[in-house]
N, C-alpha and C. Protein backbone atom coordinates (compact mmCIF):
# COMPACT_ATOMS: atom_id res chain seq x y z
N MET A 1 -8.83 10.36 -15.85
CA MET A 1 -8.85 8.90 -15.87
C MET A 1 -10.29 8.44 -15.67
N ASN A 2 -10.67 7.41 -16.40
CA ASN A 2 -12.01 6.86 -16.31
C ASN A 2 -12.13 6.05 -15.02
N THR A 3 -13.10 6.40 -14.18
CA THR A 3 -13.30 5.67 -12.93
C THR A 3 -14.53 4.77 -12.99
N ALA A 4 -15.10 4.59 -14.18
CA ALA A 4 -16.25 3.71 -14.33
C ALA A 4 -15.79 2.25 -14.40
N TRP A 5 -16.65 1.36 -13.93
CA TRP A 5 -16.36 -0.07 -14.04
C TRP A 5 -16.51 -0.49 -15.50
N HIS A 6 -15.63 -1.38 -15.98
CA HIS A 6 -15.76 -1.95 -17.31
C HIS A 6 -15.32 -3.40 -17.27
N LYS A 7 -15.87 -4.19 -18.17
CA LYS A 7 -15.53 -5.61 -18.21
C LYS A 7 -14.10 -5.76 -18.71
N SER A 8 -13.34 -6.59 -18.05
CA SER A 8 -11.97 -6.83 -18.44
C SER A 8 -11.91 -7.45 -19.83
N SER A 9 -10.96 -7.02 -20.63
CA SER A 9 -10.77 -7.61 -21.96
C SER A 9 -10.23 -9.03 -21.86
N TYR A 10 -9.76 -9.42 -20.69
CA TYR A 10 -9.27 -10.78 -20.48
C TYR A 10 -10.37 -11.73 -20.02
N SER A 11 -11.56 -11.23 -19.74
CA SER A 11 -12.67 -12.07 -19.34
C SER A 11 -13.22 -12.82 -20.54
N ALA A 12 -13.46 -14.09 -20.33
CA ALA A 12 -14.07 -14.90 -21.39
C ALA A 12 -15.55 -14.55 -21.50
N ASN A 13 -16.10 -14.73 -22.66
CA ASN A 13 -17.54 -14.53 -22.81
C ASN A 13 -18.25 -15.60 -22.00
N GLY A 14 -19.28 -15.19 -21.29
CA GLY A 14 -20.02 -16.15 -20.48
C GLY A 14 -20.03 -15.76 -19.03
N ALA A 15 -20.04 -16.75 -18.17
CA ALA A 15 -20.29 -16.55 -16.75
C ALA A 15 -19.09 -16.05 -15.95
N ASN A 16 -17.88 -16.29 -16.39
CA ASN A 16 -16.69 -15.98 -15.60
C ASN A 16 -16.07 -14.66 -16.02
N CYS A 17 -16.68 -13.56 -15.59
CA CYS A 17 -16.20 -12.24 -15.99
C CYS A 17 -15.82 -11.41 -14.77
N VAL A 18 -14.85 -10.56 -14.95
CA VAL A 18 -14.49 -9.59 -13.92
C VAL A 18 -14.60 -8.19 -14.50
N GLU A 19 -14.83 -7.23 -13.62
CA GLU A 19 -14.88 -5.83 -14.01
C GLU A 19 -13.72 -5.11 -13.34
N VAL A 20 -13.23 -4.10 -14.02
CA VAL A 20 -12.08 -3.33 -13.54
C VAL A 20 -12.45 -1.86 -13.49
N ARG A 21 -11.99 -1.20 -12.45
CA ARG A 21 -12.13 0.26 -12.33
C ARG A 21 -10.73 0.80 -12.04
N GLU A 22 -10.13 1.43 -13.05
CA GLU A 22 -8.79 1.97 -12.88
C GLU A 22 -8.87 3.36 -12.26
N ARG A 23 -7.98 3.62 -11.30
CA ARG A 23 -7.93 4.88 -10.57
C ARG A 23 -6.52 5.43 -10.63
N VAL A 24 -6.38 6.68 -10.29
CA VAL A 24 -5.05 7.31 -10.23
C VAL A 24 -4.17 6.56 -9.24
N ASP A 25 -4.75 6.11 -8.14
CA ASP A 25 -3.98 5.43 -7.10
C ASP A 25 -4.11 3.91 -7.16
N GLY A 26 -4.34 3.34 -8.36
CA GLY A 26 -4.40 1.90 -8.51
C GLY A 26 -5.59 1.44 -9.31
N ALA A 27 -6.11 0.26 -8.94
CA ALA A 27 -7.25 -0.30 -9.65
C ALA A 27 -8.04 -1.19 -8.71
N ASP A 28 -9.32 -1.33 -9.02
CA ASP A 28 -10.22 -2.22 -8.29
C ASP A 28 -10.71 -3.29 -9.25
N VAL A 29 -10.92 -4.49 -8.74
CA VAL A 29 -11.41 -5.60 -9.54
C VAL A 29 -12.55 -6.26 -8.77
N ARG A 30 -13.64 -6.60 -9.50
CA ARG A 30 -14.76 -7.29 -8.85
C ARG A 30 -15.34 -8.33 -9.80
N ASP A 31 -16.05 -9.28 -9.21
CA ASP A 31 -16.74 -10.33 -9.95
C ASP A 31 -18.04 -9.76 -10.50
N THR A 32 -18.24 -9.86 -11.80
CA THR A 32 -19.43 -9.31 -12.43
C THR A 32 -20.71 -9.89 -11.86
N GLN A 33 -20.70 -11.17 -11.56
CA GLN A 33 -21.92 -11.82 -11.06
C GLN A 33 -22.17 -11.58 -9.58
N HIS A 34 -21.18 -11.11 -8.86
CA HIS A 34 -21.31 -10.91 -7.41
C HIS A 34 -20.80 -9.52 -7.02
N ARG A 35 -21.32 -8.51 -7.66
CA ARG A 35 -20.87 -7.14 -7.42
C ARG A 35 -21.04 -6.72 -5.97
N ASP A 36 -22.08 -7.23 -5.32
CA ASP A 36 -22.36 -6.85 -3.93
C ASP A 36 -21.37 -7.47 -2.95
N ALA A 37 -20.52 -8.38 -3.40
CA ALA A 37 -19.54 -9.03 -2.52
C ALA A 37 -18.30 -8.15 -2.31
N GLY A 38 -18.23 -7.02 -3.00
CA GLY A 38 -17.09 -6.13 -2.83
C GLY A 38 -16.09 -6.26 -3.95
N HIS A 39 -14.90 -5.73 -3.72
CA HIS A 39 -13.86 -5.74 -4.74
C HIS A 39 -12.49 -5.84 -4.10
N LEU A 40 -11.52 -6.16 -4.91
CA LEU A 40 -10.12 -6.16 -4.49
C LEU A 40 -9.48 -4.89 -5.02
N SER A 41 -8.65 -4.26 -4.21
CA SER A 41 -7.96 -3.04 -4.62
C SER A 41 -6.46 -3.31 -4.74
N PHE A 42 -5.87 -2.72 -5.76
CA PHE A 42 -4.45 -2.90 -6.03
C PHE A 42 -3.77 -1.54 -6.13
N SER A 43 -2.56 -1.46 -5.62
CA SER A 43 -1.77 -0.23 -5.74
C SER A 43 -1.32 -0.09 -7.19
N PRO A 44 -0.86 1.09 -7.58
CA PRO A 44 -0.36 1.25 -8.96
C PRO A 44 0.76 0.26 -9.30
N ARG A 45 1.65 0.05 -8.37
CA ARG A 45 2.76 -0.88 -8.63
C ARG A 45 2.25 -2.31 -8.81
N GLU A 46 1.34 -2.75 -7.95
CA GLU A 46 0.77 -4.10 -8.08
C GLU A 46 0.02 -4.25 -9.40
N TRP A 47 -0.75 -3.24 -9.75
CA TRP A 47 -1.56 -3.30 -10.98
C TRP A 47 -0.66 -3.35 -12.22
N ARG A 48 0.37 -2.52 -12.26
CA ARG A 48 1.32 -2.53 -13.38
C ARG A 48 1.98 -3.90 -13.52
N SER A 49 2.42 -4.46 -12.40
CA SER A 49 3.07 -5.76 -12.41
C SER A 49 2.12 -6.85 -12.92
N PHE A 50 0.88 -6.80 -12.45
CA PHE A 50 -0.12 -7.78 -12.89
C PHE A 50 -0.34 -7.68 -14.40
N LEU A 51 -0.51 -6.46 -14.91
CA LEU A 51 -0.75 -6.28 -16.34
C LEU A 51 0.47 -6.72 -17.16
N GLN A 52 1.68 -6.43 -16.69
CA GLN A 52 2.88 -6.86 -17.38
C GLN A 52 2.94 -8.39 -17.47
N ASP A 53 2.59 -9.06 -16.36
CA ASP A 53 2.57 -10.51 -16.35
C ASP A 53 1.55 -11.07 -17.33
N LEU A 54 0.37 -10.46 -17.39
CA LEU A 54 -0.65 -10.89 -18.35
C LEU A 54 -0.15 -10.75 -19.79
N ARG A 55 0.45 -9.62 -20.07
CA ARG A 55 0.91 -9.35 -21.43
C ARG A 55 2.06 -10.27 -21.84
N SER A 56 2.81 -10.76 -20.89
CA SER A 56 3.93 -11.64 -21.21
C SER A 56 3.55 -13.12 -21.07
N ASP A 57 2.26 -13.39 -20.90
CA ASP A 57 1.73 -14.77 -20.79
C ASP A 57 2.33 -15.56 -19.63
N ARG A 58 2.54 -14.89 -18.51
CA ARG A 58 3.08 -15.61 -17.34
C ARG A 58 1.98 -16.32 -16.56
N PHE A 59 0.74 -16.14 -16.98
CA PHE A 59 -0.39 -16.81 -16.30
C PHE A 59 -0.91 -17.94 -17.13
């Protein structure tokens, strides 16, 4: 599994971007402009649920 940070495909071009690092035990998300502020970590179940909601346009 790739553990490198990459820009989310859901980020709009411009200033409001997030980066994602997917891991075996979940995923991390951080603000591209404020990388030093840390990141949020999600369990595999939380991450799957979030992605399912995005794909079904629940946001």
